[in-house]
Amino acid sequence: MTGPSNTLLIEGSFSELAEEFAQYLDNISKANEGVGVQADIEPILNTIREAEQSQDPSAEAAVQKQKDEVLKKIVTKAAILNSAPERGMSDSWARNFY
């Protein structure tokens, strides 16, 4: 008999998930509008969305580089998660993961 699975399924595009996580980080850090990580990555995410919609295979390497840049910015700000509550969170984004 196997034990319970701890599988987590997350749906959405890279841009959607990155934006939502950035909003969550900004909420925790109580960043002012237009100052937090979301404002920092929004222009890059717009460029990624445009490239994905054009479906140009030659732009794939550039899109991956931009995704790496977005992840770098998010990971840099993610230290704020140490101050976030683990359970019973009031944020809808976090509730979806427990």
N, C-alpha and C. Protein backbone atom coordinates (compact mmCIF):
# COMPACT_ATOMS: atom_id res chain seq x y z
N MET A 1 0.84 -1.17 0.00
CA MET A 1 0.00 0.00 0.00
C MET A 1 0.90 1.25 0.00
N THR A 2 0.57 2.18 -0.87
CA THR A 2 1.35 3.41 -0.95
C THR A 2 0.75 4.48 -0.05
N GLY A 3 1.59 5.38 0.39
CA GLY A 3 1.15 6.47 1.25
C GLY A 3 0.48 7.56 0.45
N PRO A 4 -0.04 8.56 1.12
CA PRO A 4 -0.70 9.67 0.42
C PRO A 4 0.30 10.45 -0.44
N SER A 5 -0.19 10.93 -1.53
CA SER A 5 0.64 11.69 -2.47
C SER A 5 0.64 13.17 -2.08
N ASN A 6 1.77 13.81 -2.25
CA ASN A 6 1.89 15.23 -1.98
C ASN A 6 2.02 16.00 -3.28
N THR A 7 1.27 15.59 -4.28
CA THR A 7 1.34 16.22 -5.59
C THR A 7 0.56 17.52 -5.59
N LEU A 8 1.15 18.52 -6.21
CA LEU A 8 0.53 19.83 -6.31
C LEU A 8 0.45 20.20 -7.78
N LEU A 9 -0.72 20.49 -8.27
CA LEU A 9 -0.91 20.87 -9.66
C LEU A 9 -1.17 22.36 -9.74
N ILE A 10 -0.33 23.04 -10.51
CA ILE A 10 -0.47 24.48 -10.68
C ILE A 10 -0.72 24.75 -12.15
N GLU A 11 -1.81 25.41 -12.44
CA GLU A 11 -2.16 25.69 -13.83
C GLU A 11 -2.01 27.17 -14.13
N GLY A 12 -1.64 27.46 -15.35
CA GLY A 12 -1.50 28.83 -15.80
C GLY A 12 -0.22 28.99 -16.58
N SER A 13 -0.16 30.07 -17.33
CA SER A 13 1.05 30.34 -18.10
C SER A 13 2.13 30.88 -17.17
N PHE A 14 3.35 30.90 -17.65
CA PHE A 14 4.46 31.45 -16.87
C PHE A 14 4.14 32.88 -16.45
N SER A 15 3.67 33.68 -17.40
CA SER A 15 3.39 35.09 -17.12
C SER A 15 2.32 35.25 -16.04
N GLU A 16 1.26 34.46 -16.12
CA GLU A 16 0.18 34.55 -15.13
C GLU A 16 0.68 34.17 -13.74
N LEU A 17 1.43 33.08 -13.67
CA LEU A 17 1.91 32.61 -12.37
C LEU A 17 2.94 33.56 -11.78
N ALA A 18 3.83 34.07 -12.61
CA ALA A 18 4.85 35.01 -12.12
C ALA A 18 4.19 36.28 -11.60
N GLU A 19 3.19 36.77 -12.33
CA GLU A 19 2.50 37.99 -11.92
C GLU A 19 1.75 37.77 -10.60
N GLU A 20 1.09 36.63 -10.49
CA GLU A 20 0.34 36.34 -9.27
C GLU A 20 1.27 36.19 -8.06
N PHE A 21 2.40 35.53 -8.26
CA PHE A 21 3.36 35.37 -7.17
C PHE A 21 3.98 36.71 -6.78
N ALA A 22 4.23 37.55 -7.77
CA ALA A 22 4.78 38.88 -7.50
C ALA A 22 3.77 39.70 -6.69
N GLN A 23 2.50 39.59 -7.02
CA GLN A 23 1.46 40.29 -6.24
C GLN A 23 1.46 39.81 -4.80
N TYR A 24 1.60 38.51 -4.62
CA TYR A 24 1.63 37.94 -3.27
C TYR A 24 2.83 38.47 -2.49
N LEU A 25 3.99 38.50 -3.13
CA LEU A 25 5.19 39.02 -2.47
C LEU A 25 5.01 40.49 -2.10
N ASP A 26 4.41 41.26 -3.00
CA ASP A 26 4.16 42.68 -2.72
C ASP A 26 3.18 42.85 -1.56
N ASN A 27 2.17 41.97 -1.48
CA ASN A 27 1.22 42.05 -0.36
C ASN A 27 1.91 41.78 0.97
N ILE A 28 2.78 40.79 1.00
CA ILE A 28 3.49 40.46 2.23
C ILE A 28 4.40 41.61 2.65
N SER A 29 5.10 42.18 1.67
CA SER A 29 6.05 43.24 1.99
C SER A 29 5.38 44.61 2.12
N LYS A 30 4.07 44.64 1.85
CA LYS A 30 3.29 45.89 1.92
C LYS A 30 3.91 46.97 1.03
N ALA A 31 4.34 46.54 -0.15
CA ALA A 31 4.95 47.46 -1.12
C ALA A 31 3.90 48.42 -1.66
N ASN A 32 4.28 49.65 -1.86
CA ASN A 32 3.38 50.63 -2.46
C ASN A 32 3.15 50.29 -3.93
N GLU A 33 2.00 50.71 -4.42
CA GLU A 33 1.64 50.49 -5.83
C GLU A 33 2.72 51.08 -6.74
N GLY A 34 3.18 50.29 -7.69
CA GLY A 34 4.17 50.77 -8.65
C GLY A 34 5.61 50.70 -8.17
N VAL A 35 5.84 50.12 -6.98
CA VAL A 35 7.18 50.09 -6.43
C VAL A 35 7.71 48.66 -6.25
N GLY A 36 6.83 47.70 -6.06
CA GLY A 36 7.23 46.34 -5.71
C GLY A 36 7.74 45.52 -6.89
N VAL A 37 7.87 44.24 -6.61
CA VAL A 37 8.39 43.31 -7.60
C VAL A 37 7.45 43.20 -8.81
N GLN A 38 6.16 43.34 -8.59
CA GLN A 38 5.22 43.26 -9.71
C GLN A 38 5.50 44.37 -10.72
N ALA A 39 5.71 45.57 -10.24
CA ALA A 39 6.02 46.69 -11.13
C ALA A 39 7.37 46.48 -11.82
N ASP A 40 8.26 45.79 -11.13
CA ASP A 40 9.59 45.52 -11.66
C ASP A 40 9.56 44.54 -12.82
N ILE A 41 8.66 43.54 -12.74
CA ILE A 41 8.64 42.50 -13.78
C ILE A 41 7.59 42.72 -14.85
N GLU A 42 6.65 43.60 -14.63
CA GLU A 42 5.54 43.80 -15.57
C GLU A 42 6.00 44.10 -17.01
N PRO A 43 6.95 44.99 -17.23
CA PRO A 43 7.38 45.25 -18.62
C PRO A 43 7.98 44.01 -19.29
N ILE A 44 8.71 43.22 -18.52
CA ILE A 44 9.30 42.00 -19.07
C ILE A 44 8.20 40.99 -19.40
N LEU A 45 7.21 40.86 -18.51
CA LEU A 45 6.11 39.93 -18.76
C LEU A 45 5.32 40.33 -20.00
N ASN A 46 5.13 41.62 -20.20
CA ASN A 46 4.44 42.08 -21.41
C ASN A 46 5.21 41.68 -22.67
N THR A 47 6.51 41.80 -22.63
CA THR A 47 7.34 41.40 -23.76
C THR A 47 7.25 39.89 -23.99
N ILE A 48 7.25 39.12 -22.92
CA ILE A 48 7.12 37.66 -23.03
C ILE A 48 5.77 37.29 -23.64
N ARG A 49 4.70 37.93 -23.17
CA ARG A 49 3.36 37.65 -23.71
C ARG A 49 3.28 37.94 -25.21
N GLU A 50 3.86 39.07 -25.61
CA GLU A 50 3.84 39.43 -27.03
C GLU A 50 4.61 38.41 -27.87
N ALA A 51 5.75 37.97 -27.37
CA ALA A 51 6.56 36.99 -28.10
C ALA A 51 5.85 35.65 -28.18
N GLU A 52 5.17 35.26 -27.10
CA GLU A 52 4.43 33.98 -27.10
C GLU A 52 3.25 34.03 -28.06
N GLN A 53 2.60 35.18 -28.17
CA GLN A 53 1.46 35.31 -29.08
C GLN A 53 1.90 35.31 -30.53
N SER A 54 3.08 35.83 -30.81
CA SER A 54 3.57 35.84 -32.19
C SER A 54 3.99 34.46 -32.64
N GLN A 55 4.28 33.57 -31.69
CA GLN A 55 4.67 32.19 -31.97
C GLN A 55 5.84 32.12 -32.95
N ASP A 56 6.77 33.01 -32.79
CA ASP A 56 7.97 33.03 -33.62
C ASP A 56 9.01 32.11 -33.00
N PRO A 57 9.34 30.99 -33.66
CA PRO A 57 10.29 30.04 -33.07
C PRO A 57 11.69 30.62 -32.86
N SER A 58 12.05 31.63 -33.65
CA SER A 58 13.37 32.22 -33.49
C SER A 58 13.49 33.06 -32.22
N ALA A 59 12.36 33.44 -31.64
CA ALA A 59 12.37 34.27 -30.43
C ALA A 59 12.40 33.43 -29.16
N GLU A 60 12.42 32.12 -29.29
CA GLU A 60 12.35 31.25 -28.13
C GLU A 60 13.51 31.46 -27.15
N ALA A 61 14.72 31.62 -27.65
CA ALA A 61 15.88 31.83 -26.78
C ALA A 61 15.77 33.16 -26.04
N ALA A 62 15.30 34.18 -26.72
CA ALA A 62 15.13 35.49 -26.08
C ALA A 62 14.06 35.43 -25.00
N VAL A 63 12.97 34.71 -25.26
CA VAL A 63 11.90 34.56 -24.28
C VAL A 63 12.42 33.83 -23.05
N GLN A 64 13.20 32.79 -23.27
CA GLN A 64 13.75 32.04 -22.12
C GLN A 64 14.67 32.92 -21.28
N LYS A 65 15.45 33.76 -21.92
CA LYS A 65 16.33 34.68 -21.20
C LYS A 65 15.51 35.66 -20.37
N GLN A 66 14.40 36.14 -20.93
CA GLN A 66 13.52 37.06 -20.20
C GLN A 66 12.84 36.36 -19.03
N LYS A 67 12.44 35.11 -19.23
CA LYS A 67 11.85 34.34 -18.13
C LYS A 67 12.85 34.16 -17.00
N ASP A 68 14.09 33.89 -17.36
CA ASP A 68 15.14 33.76 -16.35
C ASP A 68 15.32 35.06 -15.57
N GLU A 69 15.23 36.18 -16.27
CA GLU A 69 15.35 37.49 -15.62
C GLU A 69 14.20 37.72 -14.64
N VAL A 70 12.98 37.35 -15.04
CA VAL A 70 11.81 37.48 -14.16
C VAL A 70 12.00 36.62 -12.92
N LEU A 71 12.41 35.36 -13.12
CA LEU A 71 12.62 34.47 -11.99
C LEU A 71 13.69 35.00 -11.04
N LYS A 72 14.74 35.57 -11.60
CA LYS A 72 15.80 36.13 -10.77
C LYS A 72 15.26 37.25 -9.89
N LYS A 73 14.43 38.12 -10.46
CA LYS A 73 13.86 39.23 -9.69
C LYS A 73 12.91 38.71 -8.60
N ILE A 74 12.13 37.68 -8.92
CA ILE A 74 11.20 37.12 -7.94
C ILE A 74 11.97 36.43 -6.81
N VAL A 75 12.96 35.64 -7.16
CA VAL A 75 13.73 34.92 -6.14
C VAL A 75 14.46 35.90 -5.23
N THR A 76 14.95 36.98 -5.79
CA THR A 76 15.64 38.00 -4.98
C THR A 76 14.70 38.57 -3.92
N LYS A 77 13.44 38.77 -4.27
CA LYS A 77 12.46 39.35 -3.33
C LYS A 77 11.80 38.30 -2.45
N ALA A 78 12.01 37.01 -2.73
CA ALA A 78 11.29 35.94 -2.04
C ALA A 78 11.72 35.75 -0.59
N ALA A 79 12.79 36.39 -0.15
CA ALA A 79 13.19 36.27 1.24
C ALA A 79 12.09 36.76 2.18
N ILE A 80 11.20 37.60 1.68
CA ILE A 80 10.09 38.10 2.48
C ILE A 80 9.15 36.97 2.91
N LEU A 81 9.21 35.84 2.22
CA LEU A 81 8.35 34.70 2.57
C LEU A 81 8.64 34.18 3.98
N ASN A 82 9.83 34.44 4.48
CA ASN A 82 10.16 34.02 5.84
C ASN A 82 9.28 34.68 6.88
N SER A 83 8.71 35.82 6.56
CA SER A 83 7.85 36.52 7.51
C SER A 83 6.37 36.23 7.28
N ALA A 84 6.05 35.45 6.26
CA ALA A 84 4.65 35.13 5.95
C ALA A 84 4.15 33.98 6.82
N PRO A 85 2.89 34.03 7.21
CA PRO A 85 2.32 32.91 7.97
C PRO A 85 2.24 31.66 7.10
N GLU A 86 2.37 30.49 7.74
CA GLU A 86 2.37 29.25 6.97
C GLU A 86 0.97 28.73 6.68
N ARG A 87 0.10 28.82 7.62
CA ARG A 87 -1.25 28.28 7.43
C ARG A 87 -2.28 29.30 7.86
N GLY A 88 -3.52 29.10 7.38
CA GLY A 88 -4.59 29.99 7.76
C GLY A 88 -4.42 31.38 7.18
N MET A 89 -3.82 31.45 6.02
CA MET A 89 -3.57 32.74 5.40
C MET A 89 -4.85 33.34 4.87
N SER A 90 -4.92 34.63 4.89
CA SER A 90 -6.11 35.29 4.38
C SER A 90 -6.00 35.60 2.90
N ASP A 91 -4.79 35.51 2.34
CA ASP A 91 -4.61 35.80 0.92
C ASP A 91 -5.16 34.66 0.07
N SER A 92 -5.98 34.97 -0.91
CA SER A 92 -6.58 33.93 -1.74
C SER A 92 -5.53 33.17 -2.51
N TRP A 93 -4.45 33.84 -2.92
CA TRP A 93 -3.40 33.15 -3.68
C TRP A 93 -2.79 32.04 -2.84
N ALA A 94 -2.49 32.32 -1.62
CA ALA A 94 -1.83 31.36 -0.76
C ALA A 94 -2.78 30.23 -0.38
N ARG A 95 -4.06 30.52 -0.21
CA ARG A 95 -5.01 29.48 0.15
C ARG A 95 -5.08 28.38 -0.89
N ASN A 96 -4.84 28.70 -2.14
CA ASN A 96 -4.92 27.71 -3.20
C ASN A 96 -3.84 26.66 -3.10
N PHE A 97 -2.82 26.91 -2.32
CA PHE A 97 -1.69 25.99 -2.25
C PHE A 97 -1.70 25.13 -1.01
N TYR A 98 -2.71 25.23 -0.16
CA TYR A 98 -2.79 24.40 1.04
C TYR A 98 -4.03 23.57 1.02
